[in-house]
C-alpha atoms as a PDB file:
ATOM      1  CA  ASP A   1      47.253   3.842 -70.439  1.00  0.00           C
ATOM      2  CA  GLY A   2      50.258   3.214 -68.192  1.00  0.00           C
ATOM      3  CA  SER A   3      52.145   6.380 -69.152  1.00  0.00           C
ATOM      4  CA  GLU A   4      53.670   8.940 -66.805  1.00  0.00           C
ATOM      5  CA  ASN A   5      51.376  11.563 -68.296  1.00  0.00           C
ATOM      6  CA  ALA A   6      48.305   9.479 -67.446  1.00  0.00           C
ATOM      7  CA  LEU A   7      49.496   9.120 -63.865  1.00  0.00           C
ATOM      8  CA  ARG A   8      49.530  12.928 -63.574  1.00  0.00           C
ATOM      9  CA  SER A   9      45.770  12.734 -63.286  1.00  0.00           C
ATOM     10  CA  PHE A  10      46.379  11.374 -59.746  1.00  0.00           C
ATOM     11  CA  ASP A  11      48.531  14.393 -58.942  1.00  0.00           C
ATOM     12  CA  TYR A  12      45.597  16.574 -59.986  1.00  0.00           C
ATOM     13  CA  LEU A  13      43.127  14.582 -57.861  1.00  0.00           C
ATOM     14  CA  ASN A  14      45.467  14.863 -54.908  1.00  0.00           C
ATOM     15  CA  LEU A  15      45.831  18.619 -55.469  1.00  0.00           C
ATOM     16  CA  MET A  16      42.096  19.251 -55.664  1.00  0.00           C
ATOM     17  CA  TYR A  17      40.808  16.780 -53.062  1.00  0.00           C
ATOM     18  CA  GLY A  18      43.572  15.207 -51.030  1.00  0.00           C
ATOM     19  CA  PRO A  19      43.258  11.677 -49.624  1.00  0.00           C
ATOM     20  CA  HIS A  20      40.726  12.574 -46.891  1.00  0.00           C
ATOM     21  CA  HIS A  21      37.910  13.609 -49.212  1.00  0.00           C
ATOM     22  CA  SER A  22      35.061  11.150 -49.842  1.00  0.00           C
ATOM     23  CA  ILE A  23      35.748  10.960 -53.595  1.00  0.00           C
ATOM     24  CA  GLU A  24      35.694   7.474 -55.164  1.00  0.00           C
ATOM     25  CA  VAL A  25      38.174   6.835 -57.966  1.00  0.00           C
ATOM     26  CA  ASN A  26      37.615   4.311 -60.752  1.00  0.00           C
ATOM     27  CA  ILE A  27      40.713   3.507 -62.797  1.00  0.00           C
ATOM     28  CA  PHE A  28      39.711   2.301 -66.250  1.00  0.00           C
ATOM     29  CA  TYR A  29      41.709   0.595 -68.983  1.00  0.00           C
ATOM     30  CA  VAL A  30      40.582  -0.418 -72.479  1.00  0.00           C
ATOM     31  CA  LEU A  31      42.271  -3.566 -73.759  1.00  0.00           C
ATOM     32  CA  PRO A  32      43.793  -3.339 -77.245  1.00  0.00           C
ATOM     33  CA  SER A  33      41.968  -5.583 -79.711  1.00  0.00           C
ATOM     34  CA  LEU A  34      43.077  -7.608 -82.692  1.00  0.00           C
ATOM     35  CA  PRO A  35      41.411  -7.104 -86.088  1.00  0.00           C
ATOM     36  CA  LEU A  36      38.249  -9.138 -86.631  1.00  0.00           C
ATOM     37  CA  THR A  37      39.734 -10.529 -89.833  1.00  0.00           C
ATOM     38  CA  LEU A  38      42.171 -12.397 -87.606  1.00  0.00           C
ATOM     39  CA  THR A  39      40.037 -13.327 -84.624  1.00  0.00           C
ATOM     40  CA  GLU A  40      36.992 -14.480 -86.620  1.00  0.00           C
ATOM     41  CA  ASP A  41      38.776 -16.373 -89.410  1.00  0.00           C
ATOM     42  CA  PRO A  42      37.106 -19.831 -89.608  1.00  0.00           C
ATOM     43  CA  THR A  43      40.004 -21.265 -91.633  1.00  0.00           C
ATOM     44  CA  MET A  44      42.649 -20.463 -88.996  1.00  0.00           C
ATOM     45  CA  ASP A  45      44.877 -23.368 -88.026  1.00  0.00           C
ATOM     46  CA  HIS A  46      45.332 -24.455 -84.421  1.00  0.00           C
ATOM     47  CA  VAL A  47      48.845 -23.085 -84.099  1.00  0.00           C
ATOM     48  CA  THR A  48      47.823 -19.575 -85.156  1.00  0.00           C
ATOM     49  CA  ALA A  49      44.725 -19.708 -82.977  1.00  0.00           C
ATOM     50  CA  ALA A  50      46.859 -20.614 -79.976  1.00  0.00           C
ATOM     51  CA  LYS A  51      49.188 -17.717 -80.675  1.00  0.00           C
ATOM     52  CA  LEU A  52      46.246 -15.294 -80.865  1.00  0.00           C
ATOM     53  CA  LYS A  53      44.950 -16.663 -77.574  1.00  0.00           C
ATOM     54  CA  ALA A  54      48.377 -16.061 -76.033  1.00  0.00           C
ATOM     55  CA  VAL A  55      48.327 -12.467 -77.297  1.00  0.00           C
ATOM     56  CA  ARG A  56      44.930 -11.875 -75.661  1.00  0.00           C
ATOM     57  CA  ALA A  57      46.194 -13.361 -72.403  1.00  0.00           C
ATOM     58  CA  LYS A  58      49.258 -11.136 -72.546  1.00  0.00           C
ATOM     59  CA  ASN A  59      47.049  -8.069 -73.075  1.00  0.00           C
ATOM     60  CA  ILE A  60      45.047  -8.971 -69.973  1.00  0.00           C
ATOM     61  CA  ARG A  61      48.212  -9.405 -67.897  1.00  0.00           C
ATOM     62  CA  MET A  62      49.437  -6.028 -69.133  1.00  0.00           C
ATOM     63  CA  ALA A  63      46.110  -4.412 -68.191  1.00  0.00           C
ATOM     64  CA  GLU A  64      46.248  -5.957 -64.721  1.00  0.00           C
ATOM     65  CA  ARG A  65      49.825  -4.744 -64.237  1.00  0.00           C
ATOM     66  CA  ILE A  66      49.015  -1.197 -65.397  1.00  0.00           C
ATOM     67  CA  LEU A  67      45.927  -1.009 -63.171  1.00  0.00           C
ATOM     68  CA  THR A  68      47.788  -2.397 -60.146  1.00  0.00           C
ATOM     69  CA  GLU A  69      50.613   0.106 -60.594  1.00  0.00           C
ATOM     70  CA  ALA A  70      48.102   2.940 -60.940  1.00  0.00           C
ATOM     71  CA  LYS A  71      46.155   1.894 -57.859  1.00  0.00           C
ATOM     72  CA  THR A  72      49.363   1.580 -55.877  1.00  0.00           C
ATOM     73  CA  ALA A  73      50.407   5.089 -56.933  1.00  0.00           C
ATOM     74  CA  LEU A  74      47.118   6.483 -55.627  1.00  0.00           C
ATOM     75  CA  ILE A  75      47.378   4.526 -52.362  1.00  0.00           C
ATOM     76  CA  HIS A  76      50.877   5.935 -51.871  1.00  0.00           C
ATOM     77  CA  LYS A  77      49.309   9.417 -51.968  1.00  0.00           C
ATOM     78  CA  GLY A  78      47.177   8.398 -49.007  1.00  0.00           C
ATOM     79  CA  PHE A  79      43.897   7.608 -50.782  1.00  0.00           C
ATOM     80  CA  PRO A  80      42.071   4.756 -48.977  1.00  0.00           C
ATOM     81  CA  GLU A  81      42.170   1.471 -50.872  1.00  0.00           C
ATOM     82  CA  ASP A  82      38.445   0.825 -50.420  1.00  0.00           C
ATOM     83  CA  ARG A  83      37.670   3.988 -52.415  1.00  0.00           C
ATOM     84  CA  ILE A  84      39.735   2.904 -55.441  1.00  0.00           C
ATOM     85  CA  LYS A  85      38.352   0.453 -57.977  1.00  0.00           C
ATOM     86  CA  THR A  86      40.000  -0.868 -61.149  1.00  0.00           C
ATOM     87  CA  PHE A  87      38.366  -2.079 -64.359  1.00  0.00           C
ATOM     88  CA  TYR A  88      39.494  -3.268 -67.747  1.00  0.00           C
ATOM     89  CA  LEU A  89      37.329  -3.858 -70.765  1.00  0.00           C
ATOM     90  CA  LYS A  90      37.789  -5.537 -74.131  1.00  0.00           C
ATOM     91  CA  LYS A  91      37.448  -2.953 -76.891  1.00  0.00           C
ATOM     92  CA  LYS A  92      34.413  -3.410 -79.103  1.00  0.00           C
ATOM     93  CA  MET A  93      34.070   0.207 -80.234  1.00  0.00           C
ATOM     94  CA  SER A  94      36.619   3.014 -80.315  1.00  0.00           C
ATOM     95  CA  VAL A  95      38.523   3.696 -77.089  1.00  0.00           C
ATOM     96  CA  ALA A  96      36.649   6.999 -76.671  1.00  0.00           C
ATOM     97  CA  GLN A  97      33.259   5.342 -77.132  1.00  0.00           C
ATOM     98  CA  GLU A  98      34.138   2.619 -74.626  1.00  0.00           C
ATOM     99  CA  ILE A  99      35.142   5.267 -72.076  1.00  0.00           C
ATOM    100  CA  CYS A 100      31.930   7.248 -72.561  1.00  0.00           C
ATOM    101  CA  VAL A 101      29.570   4.249 -72.539  1.00  0.00           C
ATOM    102  CA  TRP A 102      31.236   2.841 -69.437  1.00  0.00           C
ATOM    103  CA  ALA A 103      31.227   6.202 -67.618  1.00  0.00           C
ATOM    104  CA  GLU A 104      27.596   6.911 -68.406  1.00  0.00           C
ATOM    105  CA  GLY A 105      26.576   3.363 -67.474  1.00  0.00           C
ATOM    106  CA  LYS A 106      28.320   3.726 -64.101  1.00  0.00           C
ATOM    107  CA  LEU A 107      26.851   7.218 -63.552  1.00  0.00           C
ATOM    108  CA  ALA A 108      30.348   8.625 -63.157  1.00  0.00           C
ATOM    109  CA  ASP A 109      30.487  12.252 -62.050  1.00  0.00           C
ATOM    110  CA  ALA A 110      33.357  13.020 -64.437  1.00  0.00           C
ATOM    111  CA  VAL A 111      35.860  11.425 -66.831  1.00  0.00           C
ATOM    112  CA  LEU A 112      39.422  12.531 -66.073  1.00  0.00           C
ATOM    113  CA  MET A 113      42.201  12.113 -68.617  1.00  0.00           C
ATOM    114  CA  THR A 114      45.500  13.668 -69.575  1.00  0.00           C
ATOM    115  CA  THR A 115      46.210  15.103 -72.984  1.00  0.00           C
ATOM    116  CA  ARG A 116      49.084  12.852 -74.034  1.00  0.00           C
ATOM    117  CA  GLY A 117      49.640   9.156 -73.541  1.00  0.00           C
ATOM    118  CA  ARG A 118      52.404   6.693 -74.138  1.00  0.00           C
ATOM    119  CA  SER A 119      54.164   8.534 -76.929  1.00  0.00           C
ATOM    120  CA  ARG A 120      53.765  11.538 -79.168  1.00  0.00           C
ATOM    121  CA  LEU A 121      53.691   9.266 -82.178  1.00  0.00           C
ATOM    122  CA  GLU A 122      50.710   7.347 -80.835  1.00  0.00           C
ATOM    123  CA  ALA A 123      48.986  10.608 -79.814  1.00  0.00           C
ATOM    124  CA  PHE A 124      46.818   8.576 -77.440  1.00  0.00           C
ATOM    125  CA  PHE A 125      45.348  11.581 -75.692  1.00  0.00           C
ATOM    126  CA  MET A 126      44.518  14.971 -77.224  1.00  0.00           C
ATOM    127  CA  GLY A 127      45.279  13.440 -79.753  1.00  0.00           C
ATOM    128  CA  GLU A 128      42.453  11.428 -80.899  1.00  0.00           C
ATOM    129  CA  VAL A 129      41.121   9.810 -77.740  1.00  0.00           C
ATOM    130  CA  ALA A 130      40.564  12.920 -75.628  1.00  0.00           C
ATOM    131  CA  SER A 131      39.125  14.798 -78.586  1.00  0.00           C
ATOM    132  CA  ARG A 132      36.718  11.969 -79.424  1.00  0.00           C
ATOM    133  CA  THR A 133      35.805  11.501 -75.763  1.00  0.00           C
ATOM    134  CA  LEU A 134      34.746  15.139 -75.659  1.00  0.00           C
ATOM    135  CA  GLU A 135      32.725  14.481 -78.801  1.00  0.00           C
ATOM    136  CA  HIS A 136      30.992  11.309 -77.568  1.00  0.00           C
ATOM    137  CA  CYS A 137      30.406  12.101 -73.871  1.00  0.00           C
ATOM    138  CA  ARG A 138      27.022  13.804 -74.039  1.00  0.00           C
ATOM    139  CA  VAL A 139      26.077  13.242 -70.384  1.00  0.00           C
ATOM    140  CA  CYS A 140      29.235  12.935 -68.316  1.00  0.00           C
ATOM    141  CA  PRO A 141      31.544  15.970 -67.905  1.00  0.00           C
ATOM    142  CA  VAL A 142      35.089  15.488 -69.188  1.00  0.00           C
ATOM    143  CA  TRP A 143      38.135  16.823 -67.330  1.00  0.00           C
ATOM    144  CA  ILE A 144      41.259  17.324 -69.424  1.00  0.00           C
ATOM    145  CA  VAL A 145      44.614  17.822 -67.674  1.00  0.00           C
ATOM    146  CA  GLU A 146      47.432  19.341 -69.753  1.00  0.00           C
ATOM    147  CA  GLY A 147      50.805  19.100 -68.034  1.00  0.00           C
ATOM    148  CA  GLU A 148      51.419  19.853 -64.378  1.00  0.00           C
ATOM    149  CA  VAL A 149      48.688  21.804 -62.584  1.00  0.00           C
ATOM    150  CA  THR A 150      49.832  23.590 -59.418  1.00  0.00           C
ATOM    151  CA  SER A 151      46.905  25.835 -58.393  1.00  0.00           C
ATOM    152  CA  ARG A 152      43.654  24.789 -56.745  1.00  0.00           C
ATOM    153  CA  ASN A 153      41.849  27.959 -57.854  1.00  0.00           C
ATOM    154  CA  VAL A 154      38.981  27.354 -60.274  1.00  0.00           C
ATOM    155  CA  LEU A 155      37.786  29.723 -63.008  1.00  0.00           C
ATOM    156  CA  VAL A 156      34.148  29.134 -63.978  1.00  0.00           C
ATOM    157  CA  CYS A 157      33.204  30.786 -67.267  1.00  0.00           C
ATOM    158  CA  LEU A 158      29.714  32.209 -67.469  1.00  0.00           C
ATOM    159  CA  ASP A 159      27.542  33.338 -70.331  1.00  0.00           C
ATOM    160  CA  ALA A 160      23.783  33.898 -70.329  1.00  0.00           C
ATOM    161  CA  SER A 161      22.851  30.290 -71.202  1.00  0.00           C
ATOM    162  CA  HIS A 162      21.442  27.574 -68.952  1.00  0.00           C
ATOM    163  CA  TYR A 163      24.431  25.437 -69.992  1.00  0.00           C
ATOM    164  CA  ALA A 164      26.688  27.776 -68.013  1.00  0.00           C
ATOM    165  CA  LEU A 165      24.560  27.293 -64.908  1.00  0.00           C
ATOM    166  CA  GLY A 166      24.811  23.528 -65.491  1.00  0.00           C
ATOM    167  CA  ALA A 167      28.587  23.943 -65.335  1.00  0.00           C
ATOM    168  CA  VAL A 168      28.238  25.900 -62.095  1.00  0.00           C
ATOM    169  CA  ASP A 169      26.064  23.159 -60.661  1.00  0.00           C
ATOM    170  CA  HIS A 170      28.752  20.576 -61.522  1.00  0.00           C
ATOM    171  CA  VAL A 171      31.410  22.723 -59.851  1.00  0.00           C
ATOM    172  CA  ALA A 172      29.243  23.133 -56.762  1.00  0.00           C
ATOM    173  CA  PHE A 173      28.753  19.390 -56.433  1.00  0.00           C
ATOM    174  CA  MET A 174      32.349  18.414 -57.184  1.00  0.00           C
ATOM    175  CA  LEU A 175      33.956  21.046 -54.949  1.00  0.00           C
ATOM    176  CA  SER A 176      31.593  20.715 -52.022  1.00  0.00           C
ATOM    177  CA  GLY A 177      33.657  19.835 -48.967  1.00  0.00           C
ATOM    178  CA  THR A 178      36.862  21.338 -50.393  1.00  0.00           C
ATOM    179  CA  ASP A 179      38.485  24.693 -49.680  1.00  0.00           C
ATOM    180  CA  CYS A 180      39.103  25.465 -53.365  1.00  0.00           C
ATOM    181  CA  HIS A 181      38.466  29.067 -54.413  1.00  0.00           C
ATOM    182  CA  VAL A 182      36.092  29.720 -57.311  1.00  0.00           C
ATOM    183  CA  THR A 183      35.976  32.756 -59.602  1.00  0.00           C
ATOM    184  CA  LEU A 184      32.758  33.274 -61.559  1.00  0.00           C
ATOM    185  CA  PHE A 185      34.048  34.937 -64.728  1.00  0.00           C
ATOM    186  CA  HIS A 186      32.287  36.625 -67.625  1.00  0.00           C
ATOM    187  CA  SER A 187      33.987  38.276 -70.574  1.00  0.00           C
ATOM    188  CA  MET A 188      31.503  40.708 -72.104  1.00  0.00           C
ATOM    189  CA  ARG A 189      31.455  40.479 -75.855  1.00  0.00           C
ATOM    190  CA  HIS A 190      33.191  43.492 -77.370  1.00  0.00           C
ATOM    191  CA  LEU A 191      31.151  45.302 -79.960  1.00  0.00           C
ATOM    192  CA  ARG A 192      34.023  44.676 -82.396  1.00  0.00           C
ATOM    193  CA  ARG A 193      32.787  41.085 -82.653  1.00  0.00           C
ATOM    194  CA  PHE A 194      29.742  42.451 -84.438  1.00  0.00           C
ATOM    195  CA  ILE A 195      30.691  45.639 -86.298  1.00  0.00           C
ATOM    196  CA  PRO A 196      33.930  47.231 -87.589  1.00  0.00           C
ATOM    197  CA  LEU A 197      36.024  49.304 -85.172  1.00  0.00           C
ATOM    198  CA  GLU A 198      35.608  52.374 -87.390  1.00  0.00           C
ATOM    199  CA  GLU A 199      31.864  52.387 -86.791  1.00  0.00           C
ATOM    200  CA  ILE A 200      32.364  52.112 -83.022  1.00  0.00           C
ATOM    201  CA  GLU A 201      34.780  55.051 -83.035  1.00  0.00           C
ATOM    202  CA  GLU A 202      32.243  57.151 -84.921  1.00  0.00           C
ATOM    203  CA  ALA A 203      29.515  56.395 -82.362  1.00  0.00           C
ATOM    204  CA  PRO A 204      31.116  55.836 -78.912  1.00  0.00           C
ATOM    205  CA  GLU A 205      27.741  56.128 -77.217  1.00  0.00           C
ATOM    206  CA  MET A 206      26.737  52.880 -78.943  1.00  0.00           C
ATOM    207  CA  GLU A 207      29.595  51.030 -77.210  1.00  0.00           C
ATOM    208  CA  LYS A 208      28.631  52.542 -73.848  1.00  0.00           C
ATOM    209  CA  LEU A 209      25.020  51.412 -74.327  1.00  0.00           C
ATOM    210  CA  TRP A 210      26.191  47.939 -75.374  1.00  0.00           C
ATOM    211  CA  LYS A 211      28.311  47.544 -72.215  1.00  0.00           C
ATOM    212  CA  HIS A 212      25.381  48.619 -70.076  1.00  0.00           C
ATOM    213  CA  LYS A 213      22.999  46.153 -71.746  1.00  0.00           C
ATOM    214  CA  ALA A 214      25.526  43.330 -71.649  1.00  0.00           C
ATOM    215  CA  GLY A 215      26.171  43.944 -67.947  1.00  0.00           C
ATOM    216  CA  GLN A 216      22.447  43.924 -67.201  1.00  0.00           C
ATOM    217  CA  ARG A 217      22.013  40.674 -69.119  1.00  0.00           C
ATOM    218  CA  ILE A 218      24.719  38.732 -67.235  1.00  0.00           C
ATOM    219  CA  ALA A 219      23.999  40.115 -63.742  1.00  0.00           C
ATOM    220  CA  PRO A 220      21.106  37.690 -62.894  1.00  0.00           C
ATOM    221  CA  GLN A 221      23.224  34.766 -64.128  1.00  0.00           C
ATOM    222  CA  VAL A 222      26.137  35.737 -61.887  1.00  0.00           C
ATOM    223  CA  LYS A 223      23.809  36.095 -58.910  1.00  0.00           C
ATOM    224  CA  GLN A 224      22.190  32.698 -59.539  1.00  0.00           C
ATOM    225  CA  ALA A 225      25.589  31.030 -60.008  1.00  0.00           C
ATOM    226  CA  ARG A 226      26.767  32.429 -56.705  1.00  0.00           C
ATOM    227  CA  GLU A 227      23.626  31.154 -54.964  1.00  0.00           C
ATOM    228  CA  ILE A 228      24.213  27.653 -56.372  1.00  0.00           C
ATOM    229  CA  LEU A 229      27.724  27.558 -54.938  1.00  0.00           C
ATOM    230  CA  LEU A 230      26.629  28.866 -51.532  1.00  0.00           C
ATOM    231  CA  LYS A 231      23.788  26.371 -51.343  1.00  0.00           C
ATOM    232  CA  ALA A 232      26.282  23.545 -52.006  1.00  0.00           C
ATOM    233  CA  GLY A 233      28.244  24.608 -48.944  1.00  0.00           C
ATOM    234  CA  LEU A 234      31.010  26.788 -50.348  1.00  0.00           C
ATOM    235  CA  ALA A 235      31.805  29.722 -48.103  1.00  0.00           C
ATOM    236  CA  GLU A 236      31.413  33.362 -49.115  1.00  0.00           C
ATOM    237  CA  GLU A 237      35.168  33.846 -48.984  1.00  0.00           C
ATOM    238  CA  GLN A 238      35.678  31.005 -51.461  1.00  0.00           C
ATOM    239  CA  ILE A 239      33.724  32.792 -54.195  1.00  0.00           C
ATOM    240  CA  ILE A 240      34.802  35.753 -56.357  1.00  0.00           C
ATOM    241  CA  THR A 241      32.826  37.296 -59.218  1.00  0.00           C
ATOM    242  CA  LYS A 242      34.537  39.066 -62.090  1.00  0.00           C
ATOM    243  CA  VAL A 243      32.986  40.670 -65.175  1.00  0.00           C
ATOM    244  CA  VAL A 244      35.433  42.199 -67.660  1.00  0.00           C
ATOM    245  CA  ASP A 245      35.313  44.076 -70.942  1.00  0.00           C
ATOM    246  CA  GLY A 246      36.085  41.392 -73.482  1.00  0.00           C
ATOM    247  CA  THR A 247      38.372  41.503 -76.473  1.00  0.00           C
ATOM    248  CA  ARG A 248      37.677  40.011 -79.864  1.00  0.00           C
ATOM    249  CA  SER A 249      38.582  36.540 -78.491  1.00  0.00           C
ATOM    250  CA  ALA A 250      36.608  35.108 -75.578  1.00  0.00           C
ATOM    251  CA  ALA A 251      38.975  32.119 -75.416  1.00  0.00           C
ATOM    252  CA  GLN A 252      42.002  34.356 -75.041  1.00  0.00           C
ATOM    253  CA  ASP A 253      40.214  36.399 -72.348  1.00  0.00           C
ATOM    254  CA  ILE A 254      39.623  33.173 -70.419  1.00  0.00           C
ATOM    255  CA  LEU A 255      43.209  31.936 -70.784  1.00  0.00           C
ATOM    256  CA  ASP A 256      44.663  35.337 -69.862  1.00  0.00           C
ATOM    257  CA  GLU A 257      42.492  35.523 -66.760  1.00  0.00           C
ATOM    258  CA  ALA A 258      43.441  31.984 -65.707  1.00  0.00           C
ATOM    259  CA  ARG A 259      47.165  32.506 -66.124  1.00  0.00           C
ATOM    260  CA  SER A 260      47.445  36.053 -64.829  1.00  0.00           C
ATOM    261  CA  ASN A 261      45.452  35.389 -61.656  1.00  0.00           C
ATOM    262  CA  GLY A 262      46.717  31.945 -60.693  1.00  0.00           C
ATOM    263  CA  HIS A 263      43.906  29.589 -61.658  1.00  0.00           C
ATOM    264  CA  GLY A 264      44.692  25.936 -62.247  1.00  0.00           C
ATOM    265  CA  THR A 265      41.292  24.833 -63.563  1.00  0.00           C
ATOM    266  CA  ILE A 266      38.984  26.332 -66.199  1.00  0.00           C
ATOM    267  CA  VAL A 267      35.334  25.227 -66.304  1.00  0.00           C
ATOM    268  CA  LEU A 268      33.301  25.650 -69.484  1.00  0.00           C
ATOM    269  CA  GLY A 269      29.808  24.670 -70.549  1.00  0.00           C
ATOM    270  CA  ARG A 270      29.856  22.548 -73.681  1.00  0.00           C
ATOM    271  CA  HIS A 271      27.312  24.871 -75.314  1.00  0.00           C
ATOM    272  CA  GLY A 272      26.386  28.458 -74.752  1.00  0.00           C
ATOM    273  CA  THR A 273      24.544  31.414 -76.161  1.00  0.00           C
ATOM    274  CA  SER A 274      24.153  31.507 -79.929  1.00  0.00           C
ATOM    275  CA  MET A 275      23.324  35.105 -80.763  1.00  0.00           C
ATOM    276  CA  VAL A 276      25.807  35.043 -83.611  1.00  0.00           C
ATOM    277  CA  LYS A 277      27.388  31.623 -83.295  1.00  0.00           C
ATOM    278  CA  GLU A 278      27.562  28.915 -80.671  1.00  0.00           C
ATOM    279  CA  PHE A 279      29.675  30.263 -77.849  1.00  0.00           C
ATOM    280  CA  PHE A 280      30.959  26.993 -76.400  1.00  0.00           C
ATOM    281  CA  MET A 281      32.041  23.811 -78.234  1.00  0.00           C
ATOM    282  CA  GLY A 282      31.937  25.898 -80.419  1.00  0.00           C
ATOM    283  CA  SER A 283      35.099  27.690 -80.975  1.00  0.00           C
ATOM    284  CA  VAL A 284      35.769  28.817 -77.405  1.00  0.00           C
ATOM    285  CA  VAL A 285      36.197  25.362 -75.848  1.00  0.00           C
ATOM    286  CA  ARG A 286      38.350  24.213 -78.742  1.00  0.00           C
ATOM    287  CA  LYS A 287      40.630  27.268 -78.562  1.00  0.00           C
ATOM    288  CA  VAL A 288      40.975  26.952 -74.772  1.00  0.00           C
ATOM    289  CA  LEU A 289      41.815  23.245 -75.049  1.00  0.00           C
ATOM    290  CA  ASP A 290      44.378  23.933 -77.753  1.00  0.00           C
ATOM    291  CA  ASN A 291      46.235  26.385 -75.485  1.00  0.00           C
ATOM    292  CA  CYS A 292      45.746  25.020 -71.961  1.00  0.00           C
ATOM    293  CA  HIS A 293      49.289  23.878 -71.038  1.00  0.00           C
ATOM    294  CA  GLY A 294      49.684  23.709 -67.283  1.00  0.00           C
ATOM    295  CA  LEU A 295      45.892  23.839 -66.781  1.00  0.00           C
ATOM    296  CA  ALA A 296      42.971  21.504 -66.292  1.00  0.00           C
ATOM    297  CA  VAL A 297      39.815  22.135 -68.332  1.00  0.00           C
ATOM    298  CA  TRP A 298      36.413  20.795 -67.283  1.00  0.00           C
ATOM    299  CA  VAL A 299      33.940  20.582 -70.186  1.00  0.00           C
ATOM    300  CA  VAL A 300      30.433  20.142 -68.798  1.00  0.00           C
ATOM    301  CA  GLN A 301      27.704  18.798 -71.038  1.00  0.00           C
END
């Protein structure tokens, strides 16, 4: 959208990939549109029609300027010009819908956006547009960058669902050929999410059994996730696995792990297990996104 915050997405690309990776970057801009009551008024006089035409032309010039400046910024980071493409599109639906339809039509591997745009008042990203993009993008993963990200370490959150393995598969594909380090992370649900603490204290053996069963349940998933990453070409030393005793909040466990152990990116499946309630997108994704300053969050469909 031409803002400094939006340009931070290039800093993130540079951090994760650098200019010598084979990644192709498409820079996309949605033209603002005038209300249909103005543009499709059959009684409009020639003077007003000419003014509306001038406004449309000005919008196109603005789009071309913003896209040129963005492309130049990426070239200055060393990215080859032939791997950068720019597009603008006249808005027919909401901005978020236009982004999702375009990305899915182009078979994009991910949509990358920052959380705030031109001004806080407009709330262009995270905000309405990022939130609605997450809602509408049912095929293409969405990467949200909140502030300045400084670490290349990636925290991949696992549960026992096939959606989590889909997220691992996305990570394997997108990080193949990089030296980023990946932590496969699982926060075991604490029994307090199901029954009152008083009951647990009265029967500690029940908590011990629960931890054993929960550990058994996630172990095959962790093993399979590791195999996916290795098959994609990541080295053994790039992969760490970590299973922890969870608290009452899975989202807080994820954020605490990311911040305390120097991760810059959190990867979540859009959906997850639903033993009690949907684990991802879902409350967990929303809570992580609401508190992810200084982090990038990949939400994989």
